[in-house]
Amino acid sequence: MPPAPPYQTDQIFRTREVVVFTKSKTITVAIDSAMAAGGWPGGQGVQWVNSTTDNFTVTYSSGQWGGFLLYGSNESADQYTAMTGQQITYGYAVMVAGRGVISTLAYEQYTYASRHGGGPLVGLTYQPCQLLYFSLRGLWTLEDELALSGSPLAPALSTGVVCQLPKPVNEFFLGVQTTL
């Protein structure tokens, strides 16, 4: 019988803010000045914006979608590597669009009403097979925040489905089957 491996085999070591299990199309996109100034987490939802250049340009999603960013702008996995700060410095990121399966930290943990109501924060409870949308901040959420905010753009289109719950064993990452 071979010796046991010197590592745990029941874990996925997560050094990124989004782990991609299957992905669809990726495209290099320019980021707008707001994203260059503010940064973003891996898995951040983005939407297209008009640009004065010939580059495909995105900004933080405000409930609309175009895709999500594959890498965060300042992930710990990039520290002390050639990737450190490059996305913000050069103004480009890698966007994913299409169907896939990911695990991400870029999701809303509290309801829209409690984040904007001034009262206590009320947690969102995710369940398998629930539809997901991008929040007004571009994070995955259960709530159609476009409709909740009274936006004339409502209703939001679904961007995914919950396929794995956030829990201690997966370091509180949310599993998403994307439908972008």
Protein backbone atom coordinates (compact mmCIF):
# COMPACT_ATOMS: atom_id res chain seq x y z
CA MET A 1 0.00 0.00 0.00
CA PRO A 2 1.50 3.40 -0.98
CA PRO A 3 2.18 5.92 1.77
CA ALA A 4 -0.39 8.64 2.44
CA PRO A 5 0.30 11.96 0.73
CA PRO A 6 1.79 14.66 2.97
CA TYR A 7 -1.16 16.99 2.30
CA GLN A 8 -4.89 17.01 2.85
CA THR A 9 -6.81 15.79 -0.16
CA ASP A 10 -10.20 17.08 0.98
CA GLN A 11 -9.41 20.75 0.41
CA ILE A 12 -8.95 23.15 -2.45
CA PHE A 13 -6.24 25.62 -1.57
CA ARG A 14 -7.63 29.02 -2.43
CA THR A 15 -5.03 31.66 -3.16
CA ARG A 16 -7.32 33.63 -5.45
CA GLU A 17 -10.61 35.46 -4.86
CA VAL A 18 -12.24 33.43 -7.62
CA VAL A 19 -11.51 29.82 -8.54
CA VAL A 20 -12.59 28.78 -12.03
CA PHE A 21 -13.56 25.15 -12.56
CA THR A 22 -14.93 25.56 -16.08
CA LYS A 23 -15.05 28.74 -18.09
CA SER A 24 -16.33 30.06 -21.33
CA LYS A 25 -14.90 32.96 -23.30
CA THR A 26 -12.26 35.29 -21.89
CA ILE A 27 -11.44 38.69 -23.31
CA THR A 28 -8.96 41.35 -22.33
CA VAL A 29 -10.86 44.56 -21.57
CA ALA A 30 -9.88 48.09 -20.64
CA ILE A 31 -11.05 49.28 -17.23
CA ASP A 32 -12.49 52.74 -16.72
CA SER A 33 -11.01 55.37 -14.39
CA ALA A 34 -13.35 54.45 -11.51
CA MET A 35 -12.08 50.87 -11.48
CA ALA A 36 -8.47 51.99 -11.86
CA ALA A 37 -8.91 54.22 -8.80
CA GLY A 38 -10.93 51.78 -6.67
CA GLY A 39 -9.68 48.29 -7.52
CA TRP A 40 -11.89 45.20 -7.48
CA PRO A 41 -12.12 41.64 -6.14
CA GLY A 42 -11.77 38.58 -8.37
CA GLY A 43 -15.26 37.66 -9.57
CA GLN A 44 -16.40 41.31 -9.73
CA GLY A 45 -19.34 41.81 -12.10
CA VAL A 46 -18.75 44.36 -14.84
CA GLN A 47 -20.76 46.03 -17.57
CA TRP A 48 -19.80 47.68 -20.83
CA VAL A 49 -19.31 51.45 -21.04
CA ASN A 50 -18.85 53.79 -23.97
CA SER A 51 -15.26 54.59 -24.73
CA THR A 52 -13.51 57.20 -26.86
CA THR A 53 -10.97 54.54 -27.87
CA ASP A 54 -11.26 51.35 -29.87
CA ASN A 55 -10.85 49.27 -26.69
CA PHE A 56 -13.68 47.26 -25.15
CA THR A 57 -14.13 49.07 -21.82
CA VAL A 58 -15.90 47.99 -18.63
CA THR A 59 -16.81 49.44 -15.26
CA TYR A 60 -18.34 48.10 -12.05
CA SER A 61 -21.71 46.52 -12.75
CA SER A 62 -24.68 48.50 -11.49
CA GLY A 63 -27.01 45.52 -11.81
CA GLN A 64 -26.40 45.14 -15.54
CA TRP A 65 -23.94 42.62 -16.89
CA GLY A 66 -21.31 41.95 -19.44
CA GLY A 67 -19.22 39.43 -17.50
CA PHE A 68 -17.02 39.12 -14.45
CA LEU A 69 -13.32 39.76 -13.89
CA LEU A 70 -11.14 36.70 -13.60
CA TYR A 71 -8.54 38.21 -11.27
CA GLY A 72 -8.79 40.76 -8.50
CA SER A 73 -6.73 43.93 -8.78
CA ASN A 74 -4.75 43.24 -5.60
CA GLU A 75 -4.96 39.53 -4.79
CA SER A 76 -2.59 38.01 -2.26
CA ALA A 77 -1.55 35.40 -4.86
CA ASP A 78 -0.05 38.21 -6.96
CA GLN A 79 2.09 39.75 -4.24
CA TYR A 80 5.80 39.65 -5.05
CA THR A 81 5.19 38.41 -8.60
CA ALA A 82 5.32 40.07 -12.00
CA MET A 83 1.51 40.47 -11.82
CA THR A 84 1.60 42.78 -8.78
CA GLY A 85 -0.31 45.95 -9.66
CA GLN A 86 -0.21 45.39 -13.42
CA GLN A 87 -3.94 45.47 -14.07
CA ILE A 88 -4.41 48.89 -12.48
CA THR A 89 -1.10 50.26 -13.80
CA TYR A 90 -1.86 49.36 -17.41
CA GLY A 91 -5.66 49.68 -17.20
CA TYR A 92 -6.58 46.22 -18.44
CA ALA A 93 -8.22 43.13 -16.93
CA VAL A 94 -9.41 39.69 -18.05
CA MET A 95 -13.19 39.35 -18.30
CA VAL A 96 -15.11 36.07 -18.54
CA ALA A 97 -18.46 35.85 -20.33
CA GLY A 98 -20.58 32.78 -20.96
CA ARG A 99 -21.38 29.66 -18.98
CA GLY A 100 -19.02 28.22 -16.44
CA VAL A 101 -18.59 27.10 -12.84
CA ILE A 102 -16.72 29.28 -10.37
CA SER A 103 -16.19 29.67 -6.65
CA THR A 104 -15.87 33.26 -5.45
CA LEU A 105 -15.70 35.65 -2.52
CA ALA A 106 -17.33 38.44 -4.57
CA TYR A 107 -20.91 38.04 -3.34
CA GLU A 108 -23.26 40.07 -1.16
CA GLN A 109 -23.55 38.86 2.41
CA TYR A 110 -26.33 41.22 3.54
CA THR A 111 -29.71 42.22 2.09
CA TYR A 112 -30.08 45.34 -0.01
CA ALA A 113 -32.63 46.82 2.42
CA SER A 114 -30.39 46.34 5.46
CA ARG A 115 -27.33 47.79 3.69
CA HIS A 116 -29.29 50.91 2.72
CA GLY A 117 -31.80 51.18 5.55
CA GLY A 118 -29.58 52.29 8.42
CA GLY A 119 -30.74 49.45 10.65
CA PRO A 120 -29.03 46.21 11.61
CA LEU A 121 -27.51 44.15 8.81
CA VAL A 122 -29.62 41.16 7.79
CA GLY A 123 -27.70 38.26 6.28
CA LEU A 124 -28.55 36.62 2.97
CA THR A 125 -29.03 32.84 3.10
CA TYR A 126 -27.96 31.11 -0.08
CA GLN A 127 -29.48 27.77 -1.14
CA PRO A 128 -28.61 25.48 -4.09
CA CYS A 129 -30.32 26.26 -7.41
CA GLN A 130 -31.29 29.85 -6.49
CA LEU A 131 -30.97 32.41 -9.27
CA LEU A 132 -28.23 35.00 -8.86
CA TYR A 133 -27.95 38.57 -10.14
CA PHE A 134 -25.31 41.27 -9.98
CA SER A 135 -25.97 43.73 -7.18
CA LEU A 136 -25.75 47.48 -7.71
CA ARG A 137 -22.12 47.06 -6.61
CA GLY A 138 -21.43 44.27 -9.12
CA LEU A 139 -21.31 41.44 -6.59
CA TRP A 140 -23.30 38.20 -6.95
CA THR A 141 -26.56 38.31 -4.98
CA LEU A 142 -29.95 36.63 -4.60
CA GLU A 143 -31.82 39.91 -4.86
CA ASP A 144 -32.83 41.84 -7.96
CA GLU A 145 -31.42 45.13 -6.66
CA LEU A 146 -32.41 46.96 -9.84
CA ALA A 147 -36.06 46.30 -8.98
CA LEU A 148 -35.56 46.98 -5.26
CA SER A 149 -33.93 50.34 -6.01
CA GLY A 150 -36.77 51.40 -8.32
CA SER A 151 -34.50 51.61 -11.34
CA PRO A 152 -36.23 52.02 -14.72
CA LEU A 153 -33.80 49.34 -16.00
CA ALA A 154 -35.49 46.69 -13.81
CA PRO A 155 -35.85 43.78 -13.80
CA ALA A 156 -32.27 42.54 -13.76
CA LEU A 157 -31.30 39.53 -15.81
CA SER A 158 -30.07 36.45 -13.98
CA THR A 159 -26.28 36.00 -14.09
CA GLY A 160 -25.97 32.60 -12.45
CA VAL A 161 -27.26 29.88 -10.17
CA VAL A 162 -25.99 28.86 -6.73
CA CYS A 163 -24.22 25.51 -7.04
CA GLN A 164 -22.28 25.40 -3.73
CA LEU A 165 -23.02 27.10 -0.45
CA PRO A 166 -20.52 29.25 1.43
CA LYS A 167 -19.32 27.24 4.44
CA PRO A 168 -16.16 26.85 6.54
CA VAL A 169 -14.88 23.84 4.57
CA ASN A 170 -14.75 25.89 1.33
CA GLU A 171 -13.46 29.01 3.11
CA PHE A 172 -16.88 30.69 2.64
CA PHE A 173 -16.60 30.85 -1.15
CA LEU A 174 -19.92 30.83 -3.04
CA GLY A 175 -20.18 28.30 -5.87
CA VAL A 176 -21.80 29.78 -8.98
CA GLN A 177 -22.82 28.27 -12.28
CA THR A 178 -22.64 31.33 -14.49
CA THR A 179 -25.26 32.08 -17.15
CA LEU A 180 -23.81 35.28 -18.62
